[in-house]
Amino acid sequence: MSRPVLEFWHEFASTYSYPAAAFETARSEPIQAALKANVIEAELHGVFGASSFVTSDGEFFWGNDRLEPAVDWAANRALETA
């Protein structure tokens, strides 16, 4: 990440009372490794681009406006199998 970008995020953090250390933690090796693993898993499920959601039974929802339907779908499936 370039220096100006880091400065932007540190300024953002202080302006909105986010702990600046959170941005440093996000750049740590364990977090970066987890992000890479999640990206690989997402690609295997066909997730791409803007917000995409795949429920545990494989139902695919694409777009931020589909978050609530995705959560409802997952919750209903969980109730059906309980």
C-alpha atoms as a PDB file:
ATOM      1  CA  MET A   1       0.000   0.000   0.000  1.00  0.00           C
ATOM      2  CA  SER A   2       1.457   3.353  -0.948  1.00  0.00           C
ATOM      3  CA  ARG A   3       2.309   5.942   1.680  1.00  0.00           C
ATOM      4  CA  PRO A   4      -0.463   8.412   0.643  1.00  0.00           C
ATOM      5  CA  VAL A   5      -3.038   5.625   0.945  1.00  0.00           C
ATOM      6  CA  LEU A   6      -1.816   4.729   4.432  1.00  0.00           C
ATOM      7  CA  GLU A   7      -1.950   8.372   5.441  1.00  0.00           C
ATOM      8  CA  PHE A   8      -5.515   8.603   4.147  1.00  0.00           C
ATOM      9  CA  TRP A   9      -6.611   5.594   6.207  1.00  0.00           C
ATOM     10  CA  HIS A  10      -4.886   6.849   9.346  1.00  0.00           C
ATOM     11  CA  GLU A  11      -6.615  10.210   8.919  1.00  0.00           C
ATOM     12  CA  PHE A  12      -9.923   8.435   8.287  1.00  0.00           C
ATOM     13  CA  ALA A  13      -9.414   6.340  11.429  1.00  0.00           C
ATOM     14  CA  SER A  14      -8.749   9.331  13.635  1.00  0.00           C
ATOM     15  CA  THR A  15     -11.612  11.356  12.146  1.00  0.00           C
ATOM     16  CA  TYR A  16     -14.184   8.610  12.748  1.00  0.00           C
ATOM     17  CA  SER A  17     -12.708   7.235  15.996  1.00  0.00           C
ATOM     18  CA  TYR A  18     -11.526   3.950  14.514  1.00  0.00           C
ATOM     19  CA  PRO A  19      -8.397   2.554  16.138  1.00  0.00           C
ATOM     20  CA  ALA A  20      -5.551   3.148  13.689  1.00  0.00           C
ATOM     21  CA  ALA A  21      -4.051  -0.173  14.799  1.00  0.00           C
ATOM     22  CA  ALA A  22      -6.972  -1.922  13.086  1.00  0.00           C
ATOM     23  CA  PHE A  23      -5.580  -0.906   9.697  1.00  0.00           C
ATOM     24  CA  GLU A  24      -2.142  -2.198  10.627  1.00  0.00           C
ATOM     25  CA  THR A  25      -3.685  -5.460  11.825  1.00  0.00           C
ATOM     26  CA  ALA A  26      -5.570  -5.771   8.539  1.00  0.00           C
ATOM     27  CA  ARG A  27      -2.217  -5.692   6.746  1.00  0.00           C
ATOM     28  CA  SER A  28      -0.722  -8.446   8.938  1.00  0.00           C
ATOM     29  CA  GLU A  29       0.312 -11.771   7.426  1.00  0.00           C
ATOM     30  CA  PRO A  30      -2.407 -13.884   9.152  1.00  0.00           C
ATOM     31  CA  ILE A  31      -5.161 -11.533   7.988  1.00  0.00           C
ATOM     32  CA  GLN A  32      -3.751 -11.347   4.459  1.00  0.00           C
ATOM     33  CA  ALA A  33      -3.522 -15.160   4.329  1.00  0.00           C
ATOM     34  CA  ALA A  34      -7.137 -15.492   5.500  1.00  0.00           C
ATOM     35  CA  LEU A  35      -8.245 -12.968   2.879  1.00  0.00           C
ATOM     36  CA  LYS A  36      -6.468 -14.893   0.123  1.00  0.00           C
ATOM     37  CA  ALA A  37      -8.043 -18.170   1.293  1.00  0.00           C
ATOM     38  CA  ASN A  38     -11.499 -16.562   1.332  1.00  0.00           C
ATOM     39  CA  VAL A  39     -11.004 -15.153  -2.174  1.00  0.00           C
ATOM     40  CA  ILE A  40     -10.023 -18.595  -3.469  1.00  0.00           C
ATOM     41  CA  GLU A  41     -13.075 -20.174  -1.823  1.00  0.00           C
ATOM     42  CA  ALA A  42     -15.330 -17.441  -3.215  1.00  0.00           C
ATOM     43  CA  GLU A  43     -13.976 -18.010  -6.724  1.00  0.00           C
ATOM     44  CA  LEU A  44     -14.671 -21.746  -6.388  1.00  0.00           C
ATOM     45  CA  HIS A  45     -18.319 -20.875  -5.650  1.00  0.00           C
ATOM     46  CA  GLY A  46     -18.546 -18.534  -8.642  1.00  0.00           C
ATOM     47  CA  VAL A  47     -18.575 -15.353  -6.560  1.00  0.00           C
ATOM     48  CA  PHE A  48     -17.352 -12.293  -8.424  1.00  0.00           C
ATOM     49  CA  GLY A  49     -17.572  -8.532  -8.398  1.00  0.00           C
ATOM     50  CA  ALA A  50     -19.892  -6.669  -6.074  1.00  0.00           C
ATOM     51  CA  SER A  51     -21.371  -8.189  -2.979  1.00  0.00           C
ATOM     52  CA  SER A  52     -22.127 -11.839  -3.591  1.00  0.00           C
ATOM     53  CA  PHE A  53     -23.444 -14.366  -1.119  1.00  0.00           C
ATOM     54  CA  VAL A  54     -23.531 -18.148  -1.230  1.00  0.00           C
ATOM     55  CA  THR A  55     -25.569 -19.955   1.420  1.00  0.00           C
ATOM     56  CA  SER A  56     -24.436 -23.229   2.977  1.00  0.00           C
ATOM     57  CA  ASP A  57     -26.754 -25.136   0.617  1.00  0.00           C
ATOM     58  CA  GLY A  58     -25.219 -23.437  -2.430  1.00  0.00           C
ATOM     59  CA  GLU A  59     -27.871 -20.826  -3.236  1.00  0.00           C
ATOM     60  CA  PHE A  60     -26.207 -17.816  -4.891  1.00  0.00           C
ATOM     61  CA  PHE A  61     -27.247 -14.191  -4.319  1.00  0.00           C
ATOM     62  CA  TRP A  62     -25.556 -11.376  -6.244  1.00  0.00           C
ATOM     63  CA  GLY A  63     -25.617  -7.685  -5.323  1.00  0.00           C
ATOM     64  CA  ASN A  64     -25.768  -5.755  -2.072  1.00  0.00           C
ATOM     65  CA  ASP A  65     -29.542  -5.446  -2.392  1.00  0.00           C
ATOM     66  CA  ARG A  66     -29.724  -9.243  -2.084  1.00  0.00           C
ATOM     67  CA  LEU A  67     -28.204  -9.389   1.414  1.00  0.00           C
ATOM     68  CA  GLU A  68     -31.532  -9.555   3.240  1.00  0.00           C
ATOM     69  CA  PRO A  69     -32.953 -12.253   0.935  1.00  0.00           C
ATOM     70  CA  ALA A  70     -29.718 -14.234   1.362  1.00  0.00           C
ATOM     71  CA  VAL A  71     -29.951 -14.043   5.151  1.00  0.00           C
ATOM     72  CA  ASP A  72     -33.656 -14.975   5.032  1.00  0.00           C
ATOM     73  CA  TRP A  73     -32.904 -17.928   2.748  1.00  0.00           C
ATOM     74  CA  ALA A  74     -30.151 -19.194   5.031  1.00  0.00           C
ATOM     75  CA  ALA A  75     -32.276 -18.724   8.168  1.00  0.00           C
ATOM     76  CA  ASN A  76     -35.253 -20.559   6.638  1.00  0.00           C
ATOM     77  CA  ARG A  77     -33.016 -23.436   5.517  1.00  0.00           C
ATOM     78  CA  ALA A  78     -31.532 -23.647   9.013  1.00  0.00           C
ATOM     79  CA  LEU A  79     -35.033 -23.850  10.515  1.00  0.00           C
ATOM     80  CA  GLU A  80     -36.072 -26.539   8.025  1.00  0.00           C
ATOM     81  CA  THR A  81     -33.104 -28.731   8.923  1.00  0.00           C
ATOM     82  CA  ALA A  82     -33.320 -28.165  12.694  1.00  0.00           C
END
